[in-house]
Amino acid sequence: MDMMSQRSIPQNALDHLLGYPCNFIPPQRPDLSAISSYIVFARTCLVLLVGLVTLFVRYRKQNHNPIKVIRREGGFYYISSLIIMFFWCLTSTPHTPVPDDYSVLWSVKHLIFNIFADRLLLKMRKADDRSTQVVISTLVFDHGGRSSSSFDESENFSEEAYTDESGEGSPGKVDQQPVSGVSEKAMGKRAEPSRTMRFLSFFASISLVLPYTLAIPHDHSSKSSPVLAGPIGPDCITGVTYEGREVGTNVTIAGVPTYLSIPSPEPEEGTPKKVILFFSDVYSAFHVNNMLLQDWFASQGFYVAGLDYFFGDPIQAHDGEPGFNQAAWLAKSQRQAEEALPKWLEAVRETYGRDAKYGAVGYCFGGPYALRIAATEDVVASAFAHPAFLTESDFAKITKPLLLSCAETDSTFPRTSLYRATDITAQNKKQYHVQVFSGVSHGFATRADPNDPNAVWAKEQSARGVVEWFNRFGNSTS
């Protein structure tokens, strides 16, 4: 059984709006995002420094005329791009004053920076250096589908525009004043920039804009399957804590703490048991809300086993903790779940028998486990409510009936993802049923506000739907 868990690299708000997937990386991979951010920050500072030096030298060469500096070789685009890149870097660097969700900068980076970058390259193409002209022409106009002949074409274009050194009748001629303090006689017919100056300018400009040129394809796809349910968000850790007394017990199955709730009365001897595998949200199977829900499932005639893949370290244990690293906690928890699930599931099957009818239900963090087990013969059906961490391949692999219990408002599993999920399931001719409850948001199935009648009804109806779904397939003789 493939119970591989994954951890996401959060996507920015604009990518999410445009429907671009974020990337997933295995949980055992070291988290180097902070180190990478500081490396990017250092590189940006270096480019900024070289850029400022370049602009300062230009300022002196242009008789201390800032207007000429801005106009020369796309100075306006150059300065603007430096500023945008610097502040964008701050949004992705830890412990900096600009927050990660500063969506305006993300939007500027994605929509405006490309324009500045390409305009700057077009300006630089007018430089006097032949090799620079060829390289930039290739970057801007060669989209990867042309052969090496593109270099020849670019050079022919440059010769056509610039070979007439006298400037008479030359279509590409740009009037240029001699550099201050240097005569044309000393420089030849045209004042040429020094090699050092040309290198600094080219290095700073290309370092800044190379990743953003239109000629380089902007691949927003992930090497892994496109994401449908994103990572844990604010809605996953908010809600109401209920009051009540659980009736289940705390047991250990295969070394994993497990909440076990037994139906009363228990089925008669010889009657196949019906078992619900309960995969909890980030609050764990031992949170009072989840224990009460498991007890209710048990009251409907099911044995309910909810494993604690957090091993006593749920998200609420870190409430108010200074410097709590949620990403590291999630990676650790997913790794624990991946290691614990196979042996735990085997032990549960040994306990209740191979002939028992098993169903799996997952909430938020537990959603992927309920979905992935639906691709095996271990269950007769699966269900989830407001899931996280799901990809298209998770839905493509299922072979068992699936119940999707969803909120009208869910930033983690939005409506577009739901549509795509059902499209995949329908294309594969798998059985599914969808519940969408209006007026509720992510978390409604376990943490609905008891003072909101609509939310309470949605929560209860979702639970009833799970029971009816499992009864439908668990009572069959197949």
Protein backbone atom coordinates (compact mmCIF):
# COMPACT_ATOMS: atom_id res chain seq x y z
CA MET A 1 0.00 0.00 0.00
CA ASP A 2 1.36 3.36 -1.00
CA MET A 3 0.88 5.66 1.96
CA MET A 4 3.55 8.11 0.85
CA SER A 5 2.97 11.48 2.43
CA GLN A 6 4.22 14.71 0.94
CA ARG A 7 5.00 18.19 2.04
CA SER A 8 4.31 21.22 -0.06
CA ILE A 9 6.33 24.27 -0.92
CA PRO A 10 3.66 26.95 -0.45
CA GLN A 11 2.59 28.72 -3.58
CA ASN A 12 2.10 32.45 -3.64
CA ALA A 13 -1.32 34.07 -3.82
CA LEU A 14 -1.10 34.97 -7.50
CA ASP A 15 -0.06 31.46 -8.56
CA HIS A 16 -2.98 30.10 -6.55
CA LEU A 17 -5.36 32.56 -8.24
CA LEU A 18 -4.10 31.61 -11.69
CA GLY A 19 -4.39 27.92 -10.89
CA TYR A 20 -0.68 27.12 -11.02
CA PRO A 21 0.29 24.21 -8.76
CA CYS A 22 2.84 24.45 -6.00
CA ASN A 23 5.59 21.87 -5.72
CA PHE A 24 5.73 18.91 -3.41
CA ILE A 25 8.85 17.45 -1.86
CA PRO A 26 9.24 14.25 0.13
CA PRO A 27 9.01 14.72 3.90
CA GLN A 28 12.38 13.04 4.48
CA ARG A 29 14.13 15.68 2.41
CA PRO A 30 15.95 18.27 4.58
CA ASP A 31 14.18 21.59 4.82
CA LEU A 32 16.65 23.97 3.20
CA SER A 33 14.15 26.68 2.34
CA ALA A 34 15.56 29.10 4.91
CA ILE A 35 19.14 28.59 3.70
CA SER A 36 18.01 28.97 0.11
CA SER A 37 16.19 32.19 0.98
CA TYR A 38 19.31 33.70 2.50
CA ILE A 39 21.37 32.66 -0.52
CA VAL A 40 18.86 34.40 -2.79
CA PHE A 41 18.97 37.42 -0.51
CA ALA A 42 22.79 37.53 -0.67
CA ARG A 43 22.73 37.20 -4.45
CA THR A 44 20.19 39.99 -4.69
CA CYS A 45 22.32 42.26 -2.52
CA LEU A 46 25.34 41.53 -4.73
CA VAL A 47 23.42 42.31 -7.91
CA LEU A 48 22.03 45.44 -6.28
CA LEU A 49 25.52 46.56 -5.30
CA VAL A 50 26.93 45.97 -8.78
CA GLY A 51 23.90 47.68 -10.25
CA LEU A 52 24.34 50.74 -8.07
CA VAL A 53 28.02 50.93 -8.97
CA THR A 54 27.08 50.66 -12.64
CA LEU A 55 24.54 53.45 -12.33
CA PHE A 56 26.98 55.63 -10.39
CA VAL A 57 29.67 55.26 -13.05
CA ARG A 58 27.08 56.06 -15.70
CA TYR A 59 26.08 59.10 -13.69
CA ARG A 60 29.64 60.41 -13.72
CA LYS A 61 30.11 59.60 -17.40
CA GLN A 62 26.92 61.50 -18.28
CA ASN A 63 28.14 64.80 -16.78
CA HIS A 64 26.22 64.15 -13.56
CA ASN A 65 22.94 64.27 -15.45
CA PRO A 66 20.47 61.83 -13.80
CA ILE A 67 17.99 62.11 -16.68
CA LYS A 68 20.55 60.79 -19.13
CA VAL A 69 21.43 57.99 -16.73
CA ILE A 70 17.81 56.92 -16.52
CA ARG A 71 17.32 57.09 -20.28
CA ARG A 72 20.61 55.45 -21.25
CA GLU A 73 20.29 51.70 -21.93
CA GLY A 74 16.93 51.42 -20.21
CA GLY A 75 18.01 52.89 -16.90
CA PHE A 76 14.40 53.32 -15.81
CA TYR A 77 13.66 49.63 -16.32
CA TYR A 78 16.95 48.71 -14.70
CA ILE A 79 16.35 50.75 -11.54
CA SER A 80 12.73 49.63 -11.27
CA SER A 81 13.70 45.98 -11.68
CA LEU A 82 16.36 46.26 -8.99
CA ILE A 83 13.87 47.75 -6.54
CA ILE A 84 11.20 45.15 -7.32
CA MET A 85 13.63 42.25 -7.04
CA PHE A 86 15.02 43.51 -3.75
CA PHE A 87 11.63 43.83 -2.08
CA TRP A 88 10.39 40.59 -3.60
CA CYS A 89 13.41 38.90 -2.08
CA LEU A 90 12.40 40.27 1.32
CA THR A 91 9.00 38.60 1.02
CA SER A 92 10.62 35.17 0.77
CA THR A 93 13.46 35.65 3.27
CA PRO A 94 12.86 34.63 6.90
CA HIS A 95 12.89 37.18 9.70
CA THR A 96 12.53 40.20 7.43
CA PRO A 97 10.06 43.03 7.97
CA VAL A 98 7.98 42.33 4.85
CA PRO A 99 5.54 39.45 5.43
CA ASP A 100 5.31 36.46 3.07
CA ASP A 101 1.70 37.21 2.17
CA TYR A 102 2.51 40.66 0.78
CA SER A 103 0.53 39.87 -2.35
CA VAL A 104 1.10 43.22 -4.07
CA LEU A 105 4.80 42.47 -4.45
CA TRP A 106 4.05 38.97 -5.69
CA SER A 107 1.73 40.43 -8.31
CA VAL A 108 4.33 43.01 -9.36
CA LYS A 109 6.96 40.30 -9.63
CA HIS A 110 4.81 38.10 -11.84
CA LEU A 111 3.11 40.69 -14.02
CA ILE A 112 5.31 43.79 -14.23
CA PHE A 113 8.83 42.50 -13.71
CA ASN A 114 8.74 40.56 -16.98
CA ILE A 115 7.88 43.75 -18.85
CA PHE A 116 10.76 45.66 -17.27
CA ALA A 117 13.15 42.80 -17.92
CA ASP A 118 12.37 42.47 -21.59
CA ARG A 119 12.32 46.21 -22.20
CA LEU A 120 15.73 46.41 -20.56
CA LEU A 121 17.11 43.68 -22.79
CA LEU A 122 15.73 45.41 -25.87
CA LYS A 123 17.51 48.59 -24.80
CA MET A 124 20.75 46.70 -24.14
CA ARG A 125 20.56 45.17 -27.62
CA LYS A 126 21.50 48.59 -28.96
CA ALA A 127 24.87 48.41 -27.22
CA ASP A 128 28.00 48.76 -29.33
CA ASP A 129 29.37 45.38 -28.34
CA ARG A 130 28.63 42.80 -31.06
CA SER A 131 28.60 39.78 -28.75
CA THR A 132 26.17 41.50 -26.40
CA GLN A 133 23.83 42.20 -29.32
CA VAL A 134 23.87 38.55 -30.38
CA VAL A 135 23.32 37.16 -26.89
CA ILE A 136 20.42 39.49 -26.09
CA SER A 137 18.78 38.99 -29.48
CA THR A 138 18.90 35.25 -28.84
CA LEU A 139 17.49 35.60 -25.34
CA VAL A 140 14.61 37.79 -26.40
CA PHE A 141 13.67 36.30 -29.77
CA ASP A 142 14.83 32.66 -29.69
CA HIS A 143 12.13 30.63 -27.89
CA GLY A 144 14.00 27.37 -27.87
CA GLY A 145 12.47 26.00 -31.04
CA ARG A 146 15.15 27.31 -33.39
CA SER A 147 18.52 25.92 -34.28
CA SER A 148 21.90 27.50 -33.75
CA SER A 149 21.33 29.46 -36.93
CA SER A 150 19.52 31.98 -34.76
CA PHE A 151 22.90 33.31 -33.76
CA ASP A 152 23.79 33.93 -37.38
CA GLU A 153 20.48 35.69 -37.98
CA SER A 154 20.98 37.89 -34.95
CA GLU A 155 24.46 38.81 -36.08
CA ASN A 156 23.22 39.64 -39.58
CA PHE A 157 20.63 41.90 -38.02
CA SER A 158 23.34 43.62 -35.99
CA GLU A 159 25.58 44.12 -39.00
CA GLU A 160 22.72 45.56 -41.00
CA ALA A 161 21.95 48.06 -38.30
CA TYR A 162 25.42 49.06 -37.17
CA THR A 163 28.04 48.54 -39.87
CA ASP A 164 27.77 52.10 -41.16
CA GLU A 165 30.11 53.74 -38.67
CA SER A 166 29.64 57.13 -40.25
CA GLY A 167 26.00 57.08 -39.26
CA GLU A 168 24.84 58.31 -42.68
CA GLY A 169 21.79 56.44 -43.86
CA SER A 170 22.14 53.79 -41.18
CA PRO A 171 18.69 52.61 -40.11
CA GLY A 172 19.93 51.44 -36.73
CA LYS A 173 22.14 54.41 -35.93
CA VAL A 174 21.66 55.98 -32.51
CA ASP A 175 23.11 59.45 -31.95
CA GLN A 176 25.56 59.40 -29.10
CA GLN A 177 27.62 62.19 -27.57
CA PRO A 178 31.30 61.61 -26.73
CA VAL A 179 31.95 60.54 -23.17
CA SER A 180 32.86 63.53 -21.03
CA GLY A 181 36.58 64.17 -20.80
CA VAL A 182 37.52 61.86 -23.66
CA SER A 183 37.90 63.08 -27.23
CA GLU A 184 36.60 61.22 -30.26
CA LYS A 185 40.13 61.13 -31.57
CA ALA A 186 41.29 59.26 -28.49
CA MET A 187 38.34 56.85 -28.68
CA GLY A 188 38.12 56.53 -32.46
CA LYS A 189 35.03 57.50 -34.36
CA ARG A 190 32.84 56.43 -31.43
CA ALA A 191 33.36 56.67 -27.68
CA GLU A 192 33.61 53.04 -26.57
CA PRO A 193 32.92 51.96 -22.98
CA SER A 194 35.75 50.23 -21.18
CA ARG A 195 35.78 46.42 -20.97
CA THR A 196 35.37 46.58 -17.19
CA MET A 197 32.41 48.89 -17.47
CA ARG A 198 30.84 46.75 -20.17
CA PHE A 199 31.34 43.60 -18.08
CA LEU A 200 29.84 45.16 -14.94
CA SER A 201 26.84 46.45 -16.85
CA PHE A 202 26.26 43.18 -18.64
CA PHE A 203 26.73 41.06 -15.48
CA ALA A 204 24.39 43.17 -13.37
CA SER A 205 21.69 43.38 -16.00
CA ILE A 206 21.73 39.73 -17.06
CA SER A 207 21.93 38.53 -13.43
CA LEU A 208 18.88 40.59 -12.71
CA VAL A 209 16.64 39.79 -15.64
CA LEU A 210 17.77 36.44 -17.04
CA PRO A 211 15.21 34.32 -15.13
CA TYR A 212 12.40 36.60 -16.27
CA THR A 213 12.86 37.01 -20.01
CA LEU A 214 9.94 36.08 -22.20
CA ALA A 215 12.21 33.90 -24.34
CA ILE A 216 12.72 31.48 -21.45
CA PRO A 217 9.60 29.34 -20.89
CA HIS A 218 7.85 30.01 -17.58
CA ASP A 219 7.15 26.48 -16.43
CA HIS A 220 4.65 26.62 -13.59
CA SER A 221 4.03 22.88 -13.61
CA SER A 222 5.35 20.52 -10.98
CA LYS A 223 7.38 17.43 -11.71
CA SER A 224 4.95 15.71 -9.41
CA SER A 225 1.21 15.58 -9.95
CA PRO A 226 -0.62 18.94 -9.95
CA VAL A 227 -1.89 19.98 -6.55
CA LEU A 228 -5.61 19.98 -5.79
CA ALA A 229 -5.59 20.40 -2.01
CA GLY A 230 -2.91 22.68 -0.64
CA PRO A 231 -0.96 22.67 2.61
CA ILE A 232 -2.25 23.41 6.08
CA GLY A 233 -3.58 26.97 6.31
CA PRO A 234 -5.10 29.27 8.93
CA ASP A 235 -8.55 27.66 8.58
CA CYS A 236 -7.05 24.31 9.54
CA ILE A 237 -6.13 25.54 13.02
CA THR A 238 -9.18 27.57 13.96
CA GLY A 239 -12.56 26.55 15.28
CA VAL A 240 -14.56 25.74 18.38
CA THR A 241 -13.65 23.19 21.05
CA TYR A 242 -16.67 21.25 22.29
CA GLU A 243 -17.59 20.14 25.76
CA GLY A 244 -18.42 16.50 26.34
CA ARG A 245 -17.22 13.24 27.76
CA GLU A 246 -15.73 10.58 25.55
CA VAL A 247 -16.69 6.93 25.99
CA GLY A 248 -13.84 5.34 24.03
CA THR A 249 -10.49 4.19 25.35
CA ASN A 250 -6.84 4.94 24.76
CA VAL A 251 -5.06 1.84 23.51
CA THR A 252 -1.82 1.08 21.71
CA ILE A 253 -1.93 -0.74 18.39
CA ALA A 254 1.37 -1.69 16.75
CA GLY A 255 3.12 0.81 18.98
CA VAL A 256 0.85 3.66 17.89
CA PRO A 257 -1.46 5.46 20.38
CA THR A 258 -5.02 4.84 19.21
CA TYR A 259 -8.44 6.05 20.27
CA LEU A 260 -10.79 3.06 20.16
CA SER A 261 -14.55 3.38 20.34
CA ILE A 262 -16.73 0.26 20.40
CA PRO A 263 -20.40 0.02 19.39
CA SER A 264 -22.93 -0.72 22.10
CA PRO A 265 -24.26 -3.31 21.92
CA GLU A 266 -21.55 -5.10 19.98
CA PRO A 267 -22.54 -7.20 16.97
CA GLU A 268 -23.42 -10.80 17.59
CA GLU A 269 -20.69 -13.41 17.38
CA GLY A 270 -20.10 -14.48 13.80
CA THR A 271 -21.43 -11.24 12.34
CA PRO A 272 -18.83 -9.47 10.17
CA LYS A 273 -17.67 -6.34 11.90
CA LYS A 274 -17.82 -2.89 10.36
CA VAL A 275 -14.75 -0.81 11.15
CA ILE A 276 -14.05 2.87 10.51
CA LEU A 277 -10.41 3.90 10.18
CA PHE A 278 -10.40 7.46 11.47
CA PHE A 279 -7.66 9.78 10.16
CA SER A 280 -7.85 12.99 12.17
CA ASP A 281 -7.02 16.61 11.47
CA VAL A 282 -4.01 18.35 13.03
CA TYR A 283 -5.67 18.26 16.46
CA SER A 284 -5.21 14.44 16.66
CA ALA A 285 -7.66 11.63 17.29
CA PHE A 286 -7.50 12.46 21.01
CA HIS A 287 -8.91 15.96 20.70
CA VAL A 288 -12.31 16.14 22.36
CA ASN A 289 -14.07 17.12 19.12
CA ASN A 290 -12.64 14.13 17.30
CA MET A 291 -13.29 11.72 20.16
CA LEU A 292 -16.94 12.76 20.32
CA LEU A 293 -17.24 12.29 16.55
CA GLN A 294 -15.67 8.84 16.75
CA ASP A 295 -18.03 7.93 19.60
CA TRP A 296 -20.99 8.96 17.45
CA PHE A 297 -19.76 6.73 14.62
CA ALA A 298 -19.52 3.89 17.14
CA SER A 299 -23.09 4.53 18.26
CA GLN A 300 -24.13 3.79 14.67
CA GLY A 301 -22.76 0.25 14.86
CA PHE A 302 -19.10 0.72 13.85
CA TYR A 303 -15.86 -0.11 15.57
CA VAL A 304 -13.82 3.07 15.27
CA ALA A 305 -10.02 3.20 15.46
CA GLY A 306 -8.30 6.57 15.26
CA LEU A 307 -4.52 6.49 15.30
CA ASP A 308 -2.51 9.35 16.74
CA TYR A 309 0.17 9.89 14.12
CA PHE A 310 1.28 12.94 16.12
CA PHE A 311 2.32 10.70 19.04
CA GLY A 312 1.08 13.12 21.67
CA ASP A 313 2.31 16.24 19.86
CA PRO A 314 -0.75 17.78 18.10
CA ILE A 315 -0.83 21.32 16.78
CA GLN A 316 -2.63 22.73 19.84
CA ALA A 317 0.30 21.70 22.03
CA HIS A 318 2.18 24.60 20.46
CA ASP A 319 -0.43 27.31 20.96
CA GLY A 320 1.35 30.53 21.87
CA GLU A 321 4.78 28.93 21.57
CA PRO A 322 7.34 31.58 20.54
CA GLY A 323 9.15 30.73 17.33
CA PHE A 324 7.08 27.62 16.63
CA ASN A 325 8.16 26.18 13.28
CA GLN A 326 4.92 24.86 11.82
CA ALA A 327 6.56 23.63 8.61
CA ALA A 328 9.05 21.51 10.54
CA TRP A 329 6.27 20.18 12.75
CA LEU A 330 4.21 19.21 9.70
CA ALA A 331 7.16 17.47 8.07
CA LYS A 332 7.84 15.50 11.24
CA SER A 333 4.18 14.55 11.63
CA GLN A 334 3.85 13.41 8.02
CA ARG A 335 7.00 11.34 8.36
CA GLN A 336 5.61 9.72 11.51
CA ALA A 337 2.30 8.99 9.80
CA GLU A 338 4.03 7.45 6.81
CA GLU A 339 6.05 5.15 9.05
CA ALA A 340 3.20 4.22 11.40
CA LEU A 341 0.30 3.63 9.02
CA PRO A 342 1.29 0.34 7.32
CA LYS A 343 2.04 -1.55 10.53
CA TRP A 344 -0.92 0.02 12.33
CA LEU A 345 -3.33 -0.92 9.55
CA GLU A 346 -2.06 -4.49 9.47
CA ALA A 347 -2.51 -4.79 13.24
CA VAL A 348 -6.07 -3.43 13.04
CA ARG A 349 -6.93 -5.97 10.37
CA GLU A 350 -5.49 -8.73 12.53
CA THR A 351 -7.61 -7.52 15.45
CA TYR A 352 -10.97 -7.30 13.70
CA GLY A 353 -10.46 -9.94 11.06
CA ARG A 354 -9.88 -10.05 7.34
CA ASP A 355 -13.58 -10.50 6.71
CA ALA A 356 -14.52 -7.25 8.44
CA LYS A 357 -15.79 -4.37 6.30
CA TYR A 358 -13.39 -1.45 6.58
CA GLY A 359 -14.05 2.14 5.64
CA ALA A 360 -11.68 5.09 5.96
CA VAL A 361 -12.56 8.70 6.71
CA GLY A 362 -10.07 11.57 6.83
CA TYR A 363 -10.31 15.19 7.88
CA CYS A 364 -7.89 17.90 6.70
CA PHE A 365 -4.43 16.47 7.53
CA GLY A 366 -5.94 12.97 7.45
CA GLY A 367 -7.60 13.45 4.06
CA PRO A 368 -4.75 12.07 1.93
CA TYR A 369 -4.55 8.87 3.97
CA ALA A 370 -8.25 8.17 3.52
CA LEU A 371 -7.95 8.86 -0.21
CA ARG A 372 -4.80 6.84 -0.83
CA ILE A 373 -6.13 3.82 1.00
CA ALA A 374 -9.03 3.93 -1.47
CA ALA A 375 -6.51 2.80 -4.08
CA THR A 376 -6.05 -0.51 -2.22
CA GLU A 377 -8.16 -3.53 -1.30
CA ASP A 378 -7.97 -2.66 2.40
CA VAL A 379 -11.31 -0.81 2.45
CA VAL A 380 -14.72 -1.10 0.82
CA ALA A 381 -15.14 2.68 0.61
CA SER A 382 -13.52 5.95 1.69
CA ALA A 383 -14.61 9.44 2.61
CA PHE A 384 -13.02 12.75 3.44
CA ALA A 385 -14.05 16.21 4.55
CA HIS A 386 -12.16 19.45 3.78
CA PRO A 387 -8.87 17.68 2.90
CA ALA A 388 -5.31 18.98 2.58
CA PHE A 389 -2.23 17.72 0.71
CA LEU A 390 -3.89 16.09 -2.30
CA THR A 391 -2.77 15.81 -5.91
CA GLU A 392 -4.45 14.76 -9.12
CA SER A 393 -2.68 11.41 -9.03
CA ASP A 394 -4.27 10.65 -5.66
CA PHE A 395 -7.69 10.82 -7.29
CA ALA A 396 -6.56 9.04 -10.45
CA LYS A 397 -5.42 5.99 -8.48
CA ILE A 398 -8.55 5.28 -6.44
CA THR A 399 -10.47 2.07 -7.06
CA LYS A 400 -13.03 2.25 -4.23
CA PRO A 401 -16.14 4.43 -3.84
CA LEU A 402 -15.35 7.91 -2.53
CA LEU A 403 -17.48 10.41 -0.61
CA LEU A 404 -16.33 14.03 -0.80
CA SER A 405 -17.80 16.21 1.96
CA CYS A 406 -16.88 19.80 1.17
CA ALA A 407 -17.38 23.36 2.33
CA GLU A 408 -18.61 26.18 0.13
CA THR A 409 -15.60 28.24 1.24
CA ASP A 410 -12.31 26.37 1.40
CA SER A 411 -9.01 27.96 0.40
CA THR A 412 -7.19 24.65 0.93
CA PHE A 413 -9.51 22.61 -1.32
CA PRO A 414 -11.26 25.25 -3.46
CA ARG A 415 -14.21 24.66 -5.75
CA THR A 416 -12.02 24.47 -8.85
CA SER A 417 -10.05 21.63 -7.26
CA LEU A 418 -13.27 19.85 -6.38
CA TYR A 419 -14.43 20.09 -9.99
CA ARG A 420 -11.12 18.73 -11.23
CA ALA A 421 -11.21 15.89 -8.68
CA THR A 422 -14.67 14.80 -9.77
CA ASP A 423 -13.68 15.08 -13.44
CA ILE A 424 -10.80 12.68 -12.85
CA THR A 425 -12.97 10.27 -10.89
CA ALA A 426 -15.71 10.34 -13.51
CA GLN A 427 -13.25 9.85 -16.37
CA ASN A 428 -11.94 6.75 -14.63
CA LYS A 429 -15.53 5.57 -14.11
CA LYS A 430 -15.14 5.29 -10.34
CA GLN A 431 -18.03 5.68 -7.95
CA TYR A 432 -18.24 8.92 -5.99
CA HIS A 433 -20.66 11.25 -4.26
CA VAL A 434 -20.19 14.93 -3.46
CA GLN A 435 -21.63 16.99 -0.62
CA VAL A 436 -21.14 20.76 -0.75
CA PHE A 437 -22.50 22.69 2.22
CA SER A 438 -23.23 26.38 1.78
CA GLY A 439 -22.41 28.92 4.45
CA VAL A 440 -19.56 26.91 6.00
CA SER A 441 -15.80 26.88 5.59
CA HIS A 442 -12.86 24.52 5.98
CA GLY A 443 -13.08 22.64 9.29
CA PHE A 444 -16.88 22.55 9.52
CA ALA A 445 -17.06 18.75 9.87
CA THR A 446 -15.09 18.69 13.12
CA ARG A 447 -15.08 22.23 14.53
CA ALA A 448 -18.41 23.82 13.56
CA ASP A 449 -19.66 26.67 15.74
CA PRO A 450 -22.46 25.25 17.95
CA ASN A 451 -24.11 28.70 17.94
CA ASP A 452 -24.50 28.58 14.16
CA PRO A 453 -27.49 26.35 13.27
CA ASN A 454 -26.42 26.03 9.64
CA ALA A 455 -22.88 24.98 10.59
CA VAL A 456 -24.20 22.46 13.12
CA TRP A 457 -26.56 20.97 10.54
CA ALA A 458 -23.74 20.73 7.97
CA LYS A 459 -21.47 19.00 10.49
CA GLU A 460 -24.14 16.49 11.48
CA GLN A 461 -25.24 15.87 7.91
CA SER A 462 -21.63 15.26 6.89
CA ALA A 463 -21.27 12.64 9.64
CA ARG A 464 -24.57 11.01 8.67
CA GLY A 465 -23.38 10.92 5.07
CA VAL A 466 -20.23 9.04 6.09
CA VAL A 467 -22.28 6.45 8.00
CA GLU A 468 -24.74 5.98 5.13
CA TRP A 469 -21.88 5.73 2.64
CA PHE A 470 -20.11 3.01 4.60
CA ASN A 471 -23.36 1.17 5.31
CA ARG A 472 -24.16 1.18 1.61
CA PHE A 473 -20.95 -0.62 0.69
CA GLY A 474 -20.23 -2.36 4.00
CA ASN A 475 -23.56 -4.16 4.02
CA SER A 476 -23.06 -5.56 0.53
CA THR A 477 -22.07 -9.19 0.11
CA SER A 478 -19.38 -8.43 -2.46
